[in-house]
Amino acid sequence: MKRLLLSAALLLCVAEPALAEKADSYKPTNISYGSLDIDDVKQVTVLNGGVVLTRGTLKMTAERAFVKQSPEGFQQVTLFGDGKKATFRQKRDGAGDQWVEGDADRIEYDEQAELVKMFAKATIRRLEGGKQNDEVQGEFISYDSRKEFFSVRNTATGESKPGGGRGTMVIQPSRTEPPATPPAAKPAAQPATPATTPLTTPPTSPEKK
């Protein structure tokens, strides 16, 4: 685990470039809720009672949400946890079962820019095959789902200030198992000792008479 000052922008996905699911851009936005109020003049919809927003693989949840329609017809959604956590989850484009998910006290989603902003006690994680890879925590996290670019700041306003909070980053090891221990080398064979021939006493010559 590494603790980092959040005064610098953080880019998690440079080493493994994979954009958010491209097909999500062409899917309709569906929202379920307990109750709603619509202000046609301001083009604002207020939803309460457990809000669930889905757009293709993108899923966002909150206790309460404001949905505003831009003049171009795009939606801008603000989700409030109201004591719980607002959440989002989206599949990453590319090979394998790759996802990005996060939670915060408040989440803002801009449909046109495909930008997610998370305010106060924010956390974002990358997952692959159901297993968590990396995790970042901070007071403010901005996530561009088109480019998969993450920015982290040390205040809930989205600014970095001296003396602001600190965040936590967890990077999982790329290897899941330690390398195998090579077998111990066998001692070198000692050269064979030549056999020792026992010494014998030469025969005594017979005495001449």
C-alpha atoms as a PDB file:
ATOM      1  CA  MET A   1       0.000   0.000   0.000  1.00  0.00           C
ATOM      2  CA  LYS A   2       1.240   3.447  -0.840  1.00  0.00           C
ATOM      3  CA  ARG A   3      -0.005   6.694   0.621  1.00  0.00           C
ATOM      4  CA  LEU A   4       0.077   9.609  -1.761  1.00  0.00           C
ATOM      5  CA  LEU A   5      -0.507  13.353  -1.534  1.00  0.00           C
ATOM      6  CA  LEU A   6      -3.430  14.075  -3.799  1.00  0.00           C
ATOM      7  CA  SER A   7      -2.029  17.327  -5.150  1.00  0.00           C
ATOM      8  CA  ALA A   8      -1.052  15.561  -8.378  1.00  0.00           C
ATOM      9  CA  ALA A   9      -3.308  14.017 -11.004  1.00  0.00           C
ATOM     10  CA  LEU A  10      -3.406  10.241 -11.001  1.00  0.00           C
ATOM     11  CA  LEU A  11      -3.531   8.181 -14.189  1.00  0.00           C
ATOM     12  CA  LEU A  12      -4.177   4.514 -13.496  1.00  0.00           C
ATOM     13  CA  CYS A  13      -4.719   3.039 -16.895  1.00  0.00           C
ATOM     14  CA  VAL A  14      -1.765   4.168 -18.987  1.00  0.00           C
ATOM     15  CA  ALA A  15      -0.049   0.821 -18.753  1.00  0.00           C
ATOM     16  CA  GLU A  16      -3.189  -1.050 -19.808  1.00  0.00           C
ATOM     17  CA  PRO A  17      -5.160   1.198 -22.201  1.00  0.00           C
ATOM     18  CA  ALA A  18      -8.758   0.011 -22.439  1.00  0.00           C
ATOM     19  CA  LEU A  19     -11.669   2.369 -22.948  1.00  0.00           C
ATOM     20  CA  ALA A  20     -15.086   2.097 -21.397  1.00  0.00           C
ATOM     21  CA  GLU A  21     -17.623  -0.038 -23.237  1.00  0.00           C
ATOM     22  CA  LYS A  22     -18.133   1.822 -26.546  1.00  0.00           C
ATOM     23  CA  ALA A  23     -21.646   0.456 -27.048  1.00  0.00           C
ATOM     24  CA  ASP A  24     -22.861   2.284 -23.931  1.00  0.00           C
ATOM     25  CA  SER A  25     -22.777   5.595 -25.835  1.00  0.00           C
ATOM     26  CA  TYR A  26     -25.596   4.390 -28.087  1.00  0.00           C
ATOM     27  CA  LYS A  27     -27.833   2.907 -25.402  1.00  0.00           C
ATOM     28  CA  PRO A  28     -30.830   4.679 -23.839  1.00  0.00           C
ATOM     29  CA  THR A  29     -30.687   5.815 -20.221  1.00  0.00           C
ATOM     30  CA  ASN A  30     -33.166   4.023 -17.975  1.00  0.00           C
ATOM     31  CA  ILE A  31     -33.975   5.252 -14.455  1.00  0.00           C
ATOM     32  CA  SER A  32     -36.026   3.495 -11.797  1.00  0.00           C
ATOM     33  CA  TYR A  33     -37.162   5.266  -8.602  1.00  0.00           C
ATOM     34  CA  GLY A  34     -39.704   5.393  -5.819  1.00  0.00           C
ATOM     35  CA  SER A  35     -41.163   8.825  -6.604  1.00  0.00           C
ATOM     36  CA  LEU A  36     -40.433  11.796  -8.857  1.00  0.00           C
ATOM     37  CA  ASP A  37     -41.235  15.463  -9.385  1.00  0.00           C
ATOM     38  CA  ILE A  38     -40.756  17.168 -12.771  1.00  0.00           C
ATOM     39  CA  ASP A  39     -40.160  20.877 -13.337  1.00  0.00           C
ATOM     40  CA  ASP A  40     -40.753  21.433 -17.066  1.00  0.00           C
ATOM     41  CA  VAL A  41     -39.722  25.083 -16.873  1.00  0.00           C
ATOM     42  CA  LYS A  42     -36.275  24.330 -15.445  1.00  0.00           C
ATOM     43  CA  GLN A  43     -36.072  20.958 -17.203  1.00  0.00           C
ATOM     44  CA  VAL A  44     -35.207  19.299 -13.904  1.00  0.00           C
ATOM     45  CA  THR A  45     -36.494  15.969 -12.572  1.00  0.00           C
ATOM     46  CA  VAL A  46     -36.142  15.087  -8.869  1.00  0.00           C
ATOM     47  CA  LEU A  47     -36.170  11.375  -8.047  1.00  0.00           C
ATOM     48  CA  ASN A  48     -36.404   9.785  -4.597  1.00  0.00           C
ATOM     49  CA  GLY A  49     -36.793   6.414  -2.963  1.00  0.00           C
ATOM     50  CA  GLY A  50     -33.803   4.413  -4.197  1.00  0.00           C
ATOM     51  CA  VAL A  51     -32.709   5.538  -7.645  1.00  0.00           C
ATOM     52  CA  VAL A  52     -31.095   3.150 -10.146  1.00  0.00           C
ATOM     53  CA  LEU A  53     -29.755   4.530 -13.432  1.00  0.00           C
ATOM     54  CA  THR A  54     -28.596   2.177 -16.195  1.00  0.00           C
ATOM     55  CA  ARG A  55     -27.145   2.895 -19.635  1.00  0.00           C
ATOM     56  CA  GLY A  56     -25.798  -0.227 -21.297  1.00  0.00           C
ATOM     57  CA  THR A  57     -23.230  -1.644 -18.868  1.00  0.00           C
ATOM     58  CA  LEU A  58     -23.176   1.585 -16.817  1.00  0.00           C
ATOM     59  CA  LYS A  59     -25.125   1.326 -13.565  1.00  0.00           C
ATOM     60  CA  MET A  60     -25.464   4.055 -10.931  1.00  0.00           C
ATOM     61  CA  THR A  61     -27.392   3.946  -7.658  1.00  0.00           C
ATOM     62  CA  ALA A  62     -28.331   6.520  -5.012  1.00  0.00           C
ATOM     63  CA  GLU A  63     -31.008   7.384  -2.496  1.00  0.00           C
ATOM     64  CA  ARG A  64     -31.903  10.604  -4.351  1.00  0.00           C
ATOM     65  CA  ALA A  65     -31.073  12.133  -7.744  1.00  0.00           C
ATOM     66  CA  PHE A  66     -31.528  15.268  -9.844  1.00  0.00           C
ATOM     67  CA  VAL A  67     -31.706  14.839 -13.615  1.00  0.00           C
ATOM     68  CA  LYS A  68     -31.321  17.905 -15.827  1.00  0.00           C
ATOM     69  CA  GLN A  69     -31.760  18.018 -19.599  1.00  0.00           C
ATOM     70  CA  SER A  70     -29.289  20.115 -21.594  1.00  0.00           C
ATOM     71  CA  PRO A  71     -30.453  22.156 -24.626  1.00  0.00           C
ATOM     72  CA  GLU A  72     -28.761  19.535 -26.818  1.00  0.00           C
ATOM     73  CA  GLY A  73     -30.846  16.796 -25.244  1.00  0.00           C
ATOM     74  CA  PHE A  74     -28.149  15.244 -23.033  1.00  0.00           C
ATOM     75  CA  GLN A  75     -28.734  14.376 -19.393  1.00  0.00           C
ATOM     76  CA  GLN A  76     -26.761  15.627 -16.416  1.00  0.00           C
ATOM     77  CA  VAL A  77     -27.383  13.518 -13.335  1.00  0.00           C
ATOM     78  CA  THR A  78     -26.485  14.288  -9.714  1.00  0.00           C
ATOM     79  CA  LEU A  79     -26.820  11.378  -7.288  1.00  0.00           C
ATOM     80  CA  PHE A  80     -26.904  11.759  -3.485  1.00  0.00           C
ATOM     81  CA  GLY A  81     -26.176   8.976  -1.028  1.00  0.00           C
ATOM     82  CA  ASP A  82     -28.018  10.750   1.820  1.00  0.00           C
ATOM     83  CA  GLY A  83     -26.078   8.953   4.540  1.00  0.00           C
ATOM     84  CA  LYS A  84     -25.213   5.992   2.364  1.00  0.00           C
ATOM     85  CA  LYS A  85     -23.004   5.828  -0.726  1.00  0.00           C
ATOM     86  CA  ALA A  86     -23.914   6.710  -4.286  1.00  0.00           C
ATOM     87  CA  THR A  87     -22.294   4.123  -6.585  1.00  0.00           C
ATOM     88  CA  PHE A  88     -21.379   3.525 -10.206  1.00  0.00           C
ATOM     89  CA  ARG A  89     -20.108   0.540 -12.180  1.00  0.00           C
ATOM     90  CA  GLN A  90     -19.198   0.176 -15.876  1.00  0.00           C
ATOM     91  CA  LYS A  91     -17.595  -2.462 -18.085  1.00  0.00           C
ATOM     92  CA  ARG A  92     -14.324  -1.621 -19.807  1.00  0.00           C
ATOM     93  CA  ASP A  93     -14.004  -2.246 -23.518  1.00  0.00           C
ATOM     94  CA  GLY A  94     -11.500  -4.875 -24.563  1.00  0.00           C
ATOM     95  CA  ALA A  95     -10.668  -8.502 -23.959  1.00  0.00           C
ATOM     96  CA  GLY A  96     -11.597 -10.175 -20.708  1.00  0.00           C
ATOM     97  CA  ASP A  97     -14.103  -9.414 -17.970  1.00  0.00           C
ATOM     98  CA  GLN A  98     -12.862  -5.922 -16.994  1.00  0.00           C
ATOM     99  CA  TRP A  99     -14.842  -3.398 -14.957  1.00  0.00           C
ATOM    100  CA  VAL A 100     -14.402  -0.099 -13.137  1.00  0.00           C
ATOM    101  CA  GLU A 101     -16.554   0.811 -10.135  1.00  0.00           C
ATOM    102  CA  GLY A 102     -16.669   3.467  -7.461  1.00  0.00           C
ATOM    103  CA  ASP A 103     -18.660   5.136  -4.697  1.00  0.00           C
ATOM    104  CA  ALA A 104     -18.870   8.510  -2.957  1.00  0.00           C
ATOM    105  CA  ASP A 105     -21.225  10.698  -0.945  1.00  0.00           C
ATOM    106  CA  ARG A 106     -22.246  12.477  -4.165  1.00  0.00           C
ATOM    107  CA  ILE A 107     -21.758  11.563  -7.838  1.00  0.00           C
ATOM    108  CA  GLU A 108     -22.284  13.747 -10.900  1.00  0.00           C
ATOM    109  CA  TYR A 109     -22.638  12.177 -14.347  1.00  0.00           C
ATOM    110  CA  ASP A 110     -22.459  14.130 -17.615  1.00  0.00           C
ATOM    111  CA  GLU A 111     -23.953  12.007 -20.401  1.00  0.00           C
ATOM    112  CA  GLN A 112     -22.540  14.139 -23.239  1.00  0.00           C
ATOM    113  CA  ALA A 113     -18.949  14.123 -21.947  1.00  0.00           C
ATOM    114  CA  GLU A 114     -19.283  10.625 -20.397  1.00  0.00           C
ATOM    115  CA  LEU A 115     -17.662  12.109 -17.310  1.00  0.00           C
ATOM    116  CA  VAL A 116     -18.192  10.884 -13.743  1.00  0.00           C
ATOM    117  CA  LYS A 117     -17.274  13.133 -10.799  1.00  0.00           C
ATOM    118  CA  MET A 118     -17.269  11.741  -7.266  1.00  0.00           C
ATOM    119  CA  PHE A 119     -17.313  14.071  -4.256  1.00  0.00           C
ATOM    120  CA  ALA A 120     -16.363  13.360  -0.625  1.00  0.00           C
ATOM    121  CA  LYS A 121     -14.940  10.042   0.570  1.00  0.00           C
ATOM    122  CA  ALA A 122     -14.649   8.751  -2.972  1.00  0.00           C
ATOM    123  CA  THR A 123     -13.263   5.359  -3.945  1.00  0.00           C
ATOM    124  CA  ILE A 124     -12.622   3.901  -7.386  1.00  0.00           C
ATOM    125  CA  ARG A 125     -11.531   0.359  -8.235  1.00  0.00           C
ATOM    126  CA  ARG A 126     -10.538  -1.672 -11.281  1.00  0.00           C
ATOM    127  CA  LEU A 127     -11.624  -5.306 -11.473  1.00  0.00           C
ATOM    128  CA  GLU A 128     -10.782  -8.150 -13.816  1.00  0.00           C
ATOM    129  CA  GLY A 129     -12.428 -11.546 -13.769  1.00  0.00           C
ATOM    130  CA  GLY A 130     -14.252 -10.613 -10.572  1.00  0.00           C
ATOM    131  CA  LYS A 131     -11.002  -9.841  -8.745  1.00  0.00           C
ATOM    132  CA  GLN A 132      -9.924  -6.362  -7.662  1.00  0.00           C
ATOM    133  CA  ASN A 133      -6.755  -5.016  -9.261  1.00  0.00           C
ATOM    134  CA  ASP A 134      -6.190  -1.426  -8.109  1.00  0.00           C
ATOM    135  CA  GLU A 135      -7.983   0.939  -5.737  1.00  0.00           C
ATOM    136  CA  VAL A 136      -7.730   4.691  -5.154  1.00  0.00           C
ATOM    137  CA  GLN A 137      -9.380   6.744  -2.410  1.00  0.00           C
ATOM    138  CA  GLY A 138      -9.626  10.533  -2.165  1.00  0.00           C
ATOM    139  CA  GLU A 139     -11.910  13.436  -1.406  1.00  0.00           C
ATOM    140  CA  PHE A 140     -12.577  14.035  -5.121  1.00  0.00           C
ATOM    141  CA  ILE A 141     -12.173  11.710  -8.095  1.00  0.00           C
ATOM    142  CA  SER A 142     -12.978  12.548 -11.722  1.00  0.00           C
ATOM    143  CA  TYR A 143     -13.322   9.663 -14.199  1.00  0.00           C
ATOM    144  CA  ASP A 144     -13.406  10.213 -17.977  1.00  0.00           C
ATOM    145  CA  SER A 145     -14.948   6.973 -19.218  1.00  0.00           C
ATOM    146  CA  ARG A 146     -14.022   7.685 -22.852  1.00  0.00           C
ATOM    147  CA  LYS A 147     -10.303   7.954 -22.144  1.00  0.00           C
ATOM    148  CA  GLU A 148     -10.285   6.075 -18.810  1.00  0.00           C
ATOM    149  CA  PHE A 149      -8.457   9.002 -17.234  1.00  0.00           C
ATOM    150  CA  PHE A 150      -8.635   9.390 -13.450  1.00  0.00           C
ATOM    151  CA  SER A 151      -7.895  12.645 -11.611  1.00  0.00           C
ATOM    152  CA  VAL A 152      -7.763  12.776  -7.808  1.00  0.00           C
ATOM    153  CA  ARG A 153      -7.758  15.910  -5.635  1.00  0.00           C
ATOM    154  CA  ASN A 154      -7.468  16.394  -1.889  1.00  0.00           C
ATOM    155  CA  THR A 155     -10.651  18.432  -1.259  1.00  0.00           C
ATOM    156  CA  ALA A 156     -14.297  17.667  -1.963  1.00  0.00           C
ATOM    157  CA  THR A 157     -14.542  20.809  -4.125  1.00  0.00           C
ATOM    158  CA  GLY A 158     -12.271  19.251  -6.753  1.00  0.00           C
ATOM    159  CA  GLU A 159      -9.321  21.501  -5.934  1.00  0.00           C
ATOM    160  CA  SER A 160      -5.944  20.580  -4.487  1.00  0.00           C
ATOM    161  CA  LYS A 161      -4.999  22.691  -1.499  1.00  0.00           C
ATOM    162  CA  PRO A 162      -1.919  22.665   0.742  1.00  0.00           C
ATOM    163  CA  GLY A 163      -2.716  20.858   3.957  1.00  0.00           C
ATOM    164  CA  GLY A 164      -5.691  19.100   2.421  1.00  0.00           C
ATOM    165  CA  GLY A 165      -6.555  15.486   2.986  1.00  0.00           C
ATOM    166  CA  ARG A 166      -4.523  12.494   2.012  1.00  0.00           C
ATOM    167  CA  GLY A 167      -5.561   9.550  -0.095  1.00  0.00           C
ATOM    168  CA  THR A 168      -4.711   5.896  -0.352  1.00  0.00           C
ATOM    169  CA  MET A 169      -3.670   3.910  -3.386  1.00  0.00           C
ATOM    170  CA  VAL A 170      -3.437   0.115  -3.429  1.00  0.00           C
ATOM    171  CA  ILE A 171      -1.609  -1.535  -6.336  1.00  0.00           C
ATOM    172  CA  GLN A 172      -1.911  -5.293  -6.568  1.00  0.00           C
ATOM    173  CA  PRO A 173       1.211  -7.248  -7.554  1.00  0.00           C
ATOM    174  CA  SER A 174       1.350  -8.413 -11.150  1.00  0.00           C
ATOM    175  CA  ARG A 175       2.434 -11.851  -9.956  1.00  0.00           C
ATOM    176  CA  THR A 176       0.073 -13.914  -7.851  1.00  0.00           C
ATOM    177  CA  GLU A 177       2.589 -16.530  -6.711  1.00  0.00           C
ATOM    178  CA  PRO A 178       6.224 -16.316  -5.693  1.00  0.00           C
ATOM    179  CA  PRO A 179       8.689 -17.709  -8.218  1.00  0.00           C
ATOM    180  CA  ALA A 180       9.440 -21.390  -7.849  1.00  0.00           C
ATOM    181  CA  THR A 181      12.563 -22.187  -5.832  1.00  0.00           C
ATOM    182  CA  PRO A 182      15.121 -23.923  -8.037  1.00  0.00           C
ATOM    183  CA  PRO A 183      16.241 -27.348  -6.781  1.00  0.00           C
ATOM    184  CA  ALA A 184      19.418 -27.373  -4.720  1.00  0.00           C
ATOM    185  CA  ALA A 185      22.520 -28.155  -6.763  1.00  0.00           C
ATOM    186  CA  LYS A 186      24.021 -31.551  -6.164  1.00  0.00           C
ATOM    187  CA  PRO A 187      27.557 -31.546  -4.746  1.00  0.00           C
ATOM    188  CA  ALA A 188      30.241 -32.163  -7.319  1.00  0.00           C
ATOM    189  CA  ALA A 189      31.384 -35.786  -7.498  1.00  0.00           C
ATOM    190  CA  GLN A 190      34.737 -36.401  -5.840  1.00  0.00           C
ATOM    191  CA  PRO A 191      37.417 -38.084  -8.005  1.00  0.00           C
ATOM    192  CA  ALA A 192      37.850 -41.752  -7.247  1.00  0.00           C
ATOM    193  CA  THR A 193      40.833 -42.609  -5.012  1.00  0.00           C
ATOM    194  CA  PRO A 194      43.114 -45.136  -6.759  1.00  0.00           C
ATOM    195  CA  ALA A 195      43.381 -48.481  -5.033  1.00  0.00           C
ATOM    196  CA  THR A 196      46.480 -48.878  -2.860  1.00  0.00           C
ATOM    197  CA  THR A 197      48.634 -51.885  -3.617  1.00  0.00           C
ATOM    198  CA  PRO A 198      49.999 -53.404  -0.417  1.00  0.00           C
ATOM    199  CA  LEU A 199      53.794 -53.442  -0.165  1.00  0.00           C
ATOM    200  CA  THR A 200      55.420 -56.885  -0.234  1.00  0.00           C
ATOM    201  CA  THR A 201      58.891 -57.901   0.855  1.00  0.00           C
ATOM    202  CA  PRO A 202      60.964 -58.997  -2.105  1.00  0.00           C
ATOM    203  CA  PRO A 203      62.036 -62.652  -1.922  1.00  0.00           C
ATOM    204  CA  THR A 204      65.421 -63.355  -0.309  1.00  0.00           C
ATOM    205  CA  SER A 205      68.060 -64.650  -2.666  1.00  0.00           C
ATOM    206  CA  PRO A 206      69.483 -68.057  -1.685  1.00  0.00           C
ATOM    207  CA  GLU A 207      72.940 -67.937  -0.111  1.00  0.00           C
ATOM    208  CA  LYS A 208      75.780 -69.262  -2.132  1.00  0.00           C
ATOM    209  CA  LYS A 209      77.592 -72.195  -0.635  1.00  0.00           C
END
